[in-house]
N, C-alpha and C. Protein backbone atom coordinates (compact mmCIF):
# COMPACT_ATOMS: atom_id res chain seq x y z
N MET A 1 -6.06 -12.18 -53.36
CA MET A 1 -7.20 -11.70 -52.65
C MET A 1 -7.97 -12.78 -52.01
N ARG A 2 -8.36 -12.57 -50.77
CA ARG A 2 -9.07 -13.61 -50.03
C ARG A 2 -10.57 -13.52 -50.28
N SER A 3 -11.19 -14.61 -50.43
CA SER A 3 -12.66 -14.53 -50.63
C SER A 3 -13.45 -14.77 -49.39
N GLU A 4 -12.79 -15.38 -48.38
CA GLU A 4 -13.39 -15.64 -47.01
C GLU A 4 -12.81 -14.84 -45.98
N SER A 5 -13.67 -14.61 -45.00
CA SER A 5 -13.01 -13.88 -43.85
C SER A 5 -13.25 -14.71 -42.60
N ASN A 6 -12.44 -14.61 -41.68
CA ASN A 6 -12.50 -15.42 -40.43
C ASN A 6 -13.01 -14.44 -39.37
N ALA A 7 -14.31 -14.72 -38.89
CA ALA A 7 -14.87 -13.81 -37.88
C ALA A 7 -14.02 -13.55 -36.77
N GLY A 8 -13.26 -14.53 -36.36
CA GLY A 8 -12.41 -14.45 -35.20
C GLY A 8 -11.29 -13.40 -35.38
N GLU A 9 -10.86 -13.29 -36.62
CA GLU A 9 -9.78 -12.40 -36.95
C GLU A 9 -10.09 -10.97 -36.63
N ASN A 10 -11.34 -10.52 -36.86
CA ASN A 10 -11.70 -9.13 -36.73
C ASN A 10 -12.55 -8.93 -35.46
N SER A 11 -12.70 -9.80 -34.58
CA SER A 11 -13.51 -9.65 -33.45
C SER A 11 -12.75 -8.61 -32.55
N SER A 12 -13.53 -8.02 -31.72
CA SER A 12 -12.97 -7.02 -30.73
C SER A 12 -12.14 -7.71 -29.73
N THR A 13 -12.47 -9.01 -29.41
CA THR A 13 -11.62 -9.78 -28.44
C THR A 13 -10.28 -10.11 -29.01
N ALA A 14 -10.19 -10.54 -30.34
CA ALA A 14 -8.99 -10.73 -30.93
C ALA A 14 -8.07 -9.54 -31.02
N LEU A 15 -8.71 -8.45 -31.34
CA LEU A 15 -8.03 -7.14 -31.49
C LEU A 15 -7.45 -6.77 -30.08
N ALA A 16 -8.29 -6.81 -29.10
CA ALA A 16 -7.90 -6.45 -27.74
C ALA A 16 -6.67 -7.29 -27.30
N ALA A 17 -6.66 -8.56 -27.58
CA ALA A 17 -5.51 -9.42 -27.23
C ALA A 17 -4.27 -9.02 -27.87
N GLU A 18 -4.34 -8.52 -29.16
CA GLU A 18 -3.27 -8.02 -29.89
C GLU A 18 -2.69 -6.74 -29.39
N VAL A 19 -3.49 -5.87 -28.92
CA VAL A 19 -3.05 -4.51 -28.45
C VAL A 19 -3.09 -4.32 -26.94
N ALA A 20 -3.33 -5.37 -26.22
CA ALA A 20 -3.31 -5.24 -24.77
C ALA A 20 -2.04 -4.74 -24.21
N PRO A 21 -1.99 -3.74 -23.48
CA PRO A 21 -0.83 -3.16 -22.97
C PRO A 21 -0.10 -4.13 -22.00
N ARG A 22 1.19 -4.14 -22.06
CA ARG A 22 1.96 -5.09 -21.29
C ARG A 22 2.84 -4.32 -20.28
N SER A 23 2.56 -3.12 -20.13
CA SER A 23 3.48 -2.30 -19.20
C SER A 23 3.22 -2.81 -17.77
N PRO A 24 4.29 -2.83 -16.96
CA PRO A 24 4.25 -3.40 -15.61
C PRO A 24 3.30 -2.47 -14.71
N TRP A 25 3.13 -1.18 -15.12
CA TRP A 25 2.32 -0.32 -14.33
C TRP A 25 0.77 -0.31 -14.73
N ARG A 26 0.44 -1.23 -15.63
CA ARG A 26 -0.90 -1.38 -16.04
C ARG A 26 -1.77 -1.92 -14.81
N VAL A 27 -2.86 -1.20 -14.44
CA VAL A 27 -3.54 -1.75 -13.31
C VAL A 27 -4.50 -2.87 -13.81
N THR A 28 -4.44 -3.96 -12.97
CA THR A 28 -5.30 -5.11 -13.39
C THR A 28 -6.45 -5.36 -12.49
N LYS A 29 -6.44 -4.66 -11.32
CA LYS A 29 -7.58 -4.85 -10.38
C LYS A 29 -7.69 -3.58 -9.53
N VAL A 30 -8.94 -3.12 -9.37
CA VAL A 30 -9.23 -2.08 -8.51
C VAL A 30 -10.53 -2.35 -7.69
N GLU A 31 -10.42 -1.94 -6.36
CA GLU A 31 -11.55 -2.10 -5.48
C GLU A 31 -11.58 -0.79 -4.65
N ALA A 32 -12.88 -0.22 -4.71
CA ALA A 32 -13.16 0.91 -3.88
C ALA A 32 -13.29 0.48 -2.39
N LEU A 33 -12.54 1.16 -1.58
CA LEU A 33 -12.51 0.95 -0.11
C LEU A 33 -13.19 2.14 0.61
N PRO A 34 -13.51 1.97 1.84
CA PRO A 34 -13.99 3.08 2.58
C PRO A 34 -12.99 4.21 2.73
N ALA A 35 -13.55 5.42 3.04
CA ALA A 35 -12.67 6.56 3.28
C ALA A 35 -11.93 7.05 2.07
N PHE A 36 -12.56 6.88 0.87
CA PHE A 36 -11.96 7.33 -0.41
C PHE A 36 -10.51 6.78 -0.66
N ARG A 37 -10.48 5.51 -0.44
CA ARG A 37 -9.19 4.76 -0.80
C ARG A 37 -9.54 3.67 -1.74
N LEU A 38 -8.60 3.23 -2.49
CA LEU A 38 -8.66 2.08 -3.44
C LEU A 38 -7.57 1.06 -3.23
N ALA A 39 -7.93 -0.19 -3.39
CA ALA A 39 -6.99 -1.22 -3.37
C ALA A 39 -6.71 -1.49 -4.86
N VAL A 40 -5.44 -1.50 -5.21
CA VAL A 40 -5.10 -1.73 -6.64
C VAL A 40 -4.06 -2.86 -6.76
N ALA A 41 -4.07 -3.50 -7.94
CA ALA A 41 -2.97 -4.42 -8.24
C ALA A 41 -2.52 -4.16 -9.71
N PHE A 42 -1.28 -4.41 -9.87
CA PHE A 42 -0.73 -4.09 -11.28
C PHE A 42 -0.30 -5.28 -12.00
N ALA A 43 -0.01 -5.17 -13.20
CA ALA A 43 0.33 -6.37 -14.11
C ALA A 43 1.62 -6.99 -13.67
N ASP A 44 2.55 -6.34 -12.94
CA ASP A 44 3.76 -6.92 -12.48
C ASP A 44 3.57 -7.62 -11.09
N GLY A 45 2.36 -7.55 -10.55
CA GLY A 45 2.15 -8.17 -9.24
C GLY A 45 2.17 -7.27 -8.09
N LEU A 46 2.57 -6.05 -8.25
CA LEU A 46 2.59 -5.08 -7.25
C LEU A 46 1.22 -4.70 -6.81
N LYS A 47 1.02 -4.57 -5.40
CA LYS A 47 -0.26 -4.29 -4.90
C LYS A 47 -0.09 -3.09 -3.94
N GLY A 48 -1.15 -2.32 -3.74
CA GLY A 48 -1.09 -1.20 -2.77
C GLY A 48 -2.39 -0.46 -2.71
N THR A 49 -2.24 0.68 -2.07
CA THR A 49 -3.52 1.51 -1.72
C THR A 49 -3.26 2.91 -2.23
N VAL A 50 -4.45 3.41 -2.92
CA VAL A 50 -4.46 4.80 -3.35
C VAL A 50 -5.39 5.53 -2.39
N ASP A 51 -4.93 6.63 -1.80
CA ASP A 51 -5.75 7.36 -0.85
C ASP A 51 -6.00 8.84 -1.40
N ILE A 52 -7.19 8.99 -1.85
CA ILE A 52 -7.49 10.28 -2.47
C ILE A 52 -8.46 11.15 -1.59
N SER A 53 -8.52 10.77 -0.29
CA SER A 53 -9.35 11.46 0.58
C SER A 53 -9.08 12.98 0.72
N ALA A 54 -7.83 13.27 0.84
CA ALA A 54 -7.35 14.72 0.89
C ALA A 54 -7.68 15.44 -0.33
N LEU A 55 -7.49 14.80 -1.48
CA LEU A 55 -7.69 15.47 -2.82
C LEU A 55 -9.21 15.74 -2.91
N VAL A 56 -10.14 14.80 -2.77
CA VAL A 56 -11.49 15.13 -3.03
C VAL A 56 -12.11 16.11 -2.10
N HIS A 57 -11.56 16.29 -0.98
CA HIS A 57 -11.99 17.34 -0.03
C HIS A 57 -11.30 18.70 -0.03
N SER A 58 -10.26 18.79 -0.94
CA SER A 58 -9.49 19.88 -1.05
C SER A 58 -10.15 21.04 -1.89
N PRO A 59 -9.99 22.24 -1.55
CA PRO A 59 -10.51 23.38 -2.31
C PRO A 59 -9.91 23.44 -3.74
N ASN A 60 -8.79 22.73 -3.91
CA ASN A 60 -8.17 22.63 -5.23
C ASN A 60 -8.38 21.31 -5.94
N ALA A 61 -9.48 20.70 -5.55
CA ALA A 61 -9.72 19.38 -6.16
C ALA A 61 -10.15 19.42 -7.58
N GLY A 62 -10.72 20.52 -8.05
CA GLY A 62 -11.11 20.63 -9.44
C GLY A 62 -12.15 19.59 -9.69
N VAL A 63 -11.98 18.90 -10.94
CA VAL A 63 -12.97 17.92 -11.31
C VAL A 63 -13.01 16.70 -10.30
N PHE A 64 -11.93 16.42 -9.57
CA PHE A 64 -11.98 15.41 -8.59
C PHE A 64 -12.88 15.60 -7.42
N ALA A 65 -13.39 16.84 -7.29
CA ALA A 65 -14.33 17.10 -6.15
C ALA A 65 -15.63 16.21 -6.26
N LEU A 66 -15.93 15.93 -7.63
CA LEU A 66 -17.05 15.05 -7.79
C LEU A 66 -16.99 13.70 -7.12
N LEU A 67 -15.77 13.27 -6.90
CA LEU A 67 -15.56 11.97 -6.24
C LEU A 67 -15.83 12.02 -4.71
N ALA A 68 -16.06 13.15 -4.17
CA ALA A 68 -16.42 13.30 -2.72
C ALA A 68 -17.75 12.66 -2.53
N GLU A 69 -18.56 12.45 -3.50
CA GLU A 69 -19.83 11.72 -3.46
C GLU A 69 -19.57 10.27 -3.39
N PRO A 70 -19.77 9.58 -2.19
CA PRO A 70 -19.39 8.12 -2.05
C PRO A 70 -19.95 7.23 -3.16
N SER A 71 -21.11 7.52 -3.55
CA SER A 71 -21.74 6.61 -4.59
C SER A 71 -21.01 6.73 -5.95
N LEU A 72 -20.46 7.82 -6.29
CA LEU A 72 -19.70 8.03 -7.44
C LEU A 72 -18.33 7.49 -7.33
N PHE A 73 -17.70 7.67 -6.16
CA PHE A 73 -16.34 7.09 -5.94
C PHE A 73 -16.35 5.64 -5.97
N ALA A 74 -17.48 4.94 -5.48
CA ALA A 74 -17.65 3.51 -5.52
C ALA A 74 -17.68 2.94 -6.88
N GLN A 75 -17.86 3.84 -7.94
CA GLN A 75 -17.99 3.35 -9.32
C GLN A 75 -16.59 3.24 -9.99
N ALA A 76 -15.53 3.18 -9.21
CA ALA A 76 -14.21 3.09 -9.82
C ALA A 76 -14.18 1.81 -10.63
N ARG A 77 -13.46 1.92 -11.78
CA ARG A 77 -13.39 0.80 -12.74
C ARG A 77 -12.02 0.94 -13.45
N LEU A 78 -11.77 -0.05 -14.33
CA LEU A 78 -10.61 -0.07 -15.08
C LEU A 78 -10.92 0.29 -16.52
N ASP A 79 -10.10 1.15 -17.09
CA ASP A 79 -10.28 1.56 -18.59
C ASP A 79 -8.87 1.49 -19.09
N TYR A 80 -8.54 0.42 -19.95
CA TYR A 80 -7.22 0.26 -20.62
C TYR A 80 -6.06 0.30 -19.62
N GLY A 81 -6.20 -0.26 -18.42
CA GLY A 81 -5.22 -0.38 -17.52
C GLY A 81 -5.05 0.88 -16.56
N ALA A 82 -5.99 1.74 -16.54
CA ALA A 82 -6.02 2.83 -15.65
C ALA A 82 -7.31 2.88 -14.88
N VAL A 83 -7.28 3.41 -13.63
CA VAL A 83 -8.45 3.50 -12.72
C VAL A 83 -9.20 4.74 -13.28
N SER A 84 -10.44 4.54 -13.48
CA SER A 84 -11.29 5.66 -13.97
C SER A 84 -12.71 5.64 -13.30
N TRP A 85 -13.42 6.69 -13.50
CA TRP A 85 -14.74 6.92 -13.10
C TRP A 85 -15.61 7.53 -14.19
N PRO A 86 -16.94 7.39 -14.08
CA PRO A 86 -17.70 8.06 -15.06
C PRO A 86 -17.43 9.56 -15.17
N GLY A 87 -17.61 10.11 -16.35
CA GLY A 87 -17.19 11.58 -16.48
C GLY A 87 -15.78 11.80 -16.92
N ASP A 88 -15.17 10.71 -17.40
CA ASP A 88 -13.77 10.81 -17.96
C ASP A 88 -12.81 11.19 -16.85
N LEU A 89 -13.00 10.85 -15.62
CA LEU A 89 -12.00 11.06 -14.57
C LEU A 89 -11.11 9.77 -14.49
N ASP A 90 -9.79 10.06 -14.43
CA ASP A 90 -8.90 8.89 -14.31
C ASP A 90 -7.68 9.30 -13.55
N LEU A 91 -6.88 8.23 -13.11
CA LEU A 91 -5.62 8.49 -12.40
C LEU A 91 -4.53 7.91 -13.27
N ALA A 92 -3.40 8.59 -13.25
CA ALA A 92 -2.15 8.18 -14.03
C ALA A 92 -1.59 6.85 -13.40
N PRO A 93 -1.75 5.67 -14.06
CA PRO A 93 -1.30 4.47 -13.63
C PRO A 93 0.22 4.41 -13.39
N ASP A 94 1.04 5.09 -14.20
CA ASP A 94 2.48 5.09 -14.11
C ASP A 94 2.92 5.74 -12.81
N ALA A 95 2.30 6.87 -12.48
CA ALA A 95 2.63 7.64 -11.24
C ALA A 95 2.18 6.90 -9.99
N MET A 96 1.07 6.20 -10.15
CA MET A 96 0.49 5.47 -9.11
C MET A 96 1.41 4.30 -8.74
N HIS A 97 1.88 3.60 -9.81
CA HIS A 97 2.79 2.42 -9.63
C HIS A 97 4.11 2.80 -8.94
N GLU A 98 4.62 3.94 -9.44
CA GLU A 98 5.89 4.42 -8.85
C GLU A 98 5.79 4.71 -7.40
N ALA A 99 4.67 5.42 -6.99
CA ALA A 99 4.53 5.84 -5.57
C ALA A 99 4.29 4.62 -4.71
N ILE A 100 3.43 3.67 -5.21
CA ILE A 100 3.15 2.40 -4.45
C ILE A 100 4.40 1.53 -4.33
N GLN A 101 5.18 1.51 -5.40
CA GLN A 101 6.37 0.75 -5.34
C GLN A 101 7.33 1.33 -4.21
N GLU A 102 7.36 2.60 -4.09
CA GLU A 102 8.25 3.22 -3.04
C GLU A 102 7.63 3.25 -1.70
N HIS A 103 6.34 3.52 -1.60
CA HIS A 103 5.76 3.76 -0.26
C HIS A 103 4.53 2.83 0.11
N LYS A 104 4.17 1.92 -0.81
CA LYS A 104 2.98 1.04 -0.61
C LYS A 104 1.63 1.85 -0.69
N VAL A 105 1.71 3.16 -0.64
CA VAL A 105 0.49 3.95 -0.71
C VAL A 105 0.72 5.18 -1.62
N TRP A 106 -0.27 5.52 -2.35
CA TRP A 106 -0.23 6.72 -3.19
C TRP A 106 -1.19 7.66 -2.54
N ALA A 107 -0.74 8.67 -1.87
CA ALA A 107 -1.66 9.71 -1.23
C ALA A 107 -1.62 10.92 -2.05
N LEU A 108 -2.87 11.30 -2.58
CA LEU A 108 -3.00 12.51 -3.36
C LEU A 108 -3.62 13.62 -2.58
């Protein structure tokens, strides 16, 4: 039984490094662009654009209709390798990667 603990062993940074996803489709960078588009980069170096302008203005947008508000759309961020927004909205990074790999753009 150990009598001492190493603070670094249990830190959230150390834990995050151990469980960091290494999937090639993990998003590593996101930037909100005008006209409801995003510039994204992936762990494998792939870069492209996500265009959700049609989705956010669609009558079938569902929860994504909230993103038609430019100030909310601009709050795009990364959560565990996926693009997300406040309110638990996110996009599937694997589908995004596949579409961008094939077409350089993922239009929803």
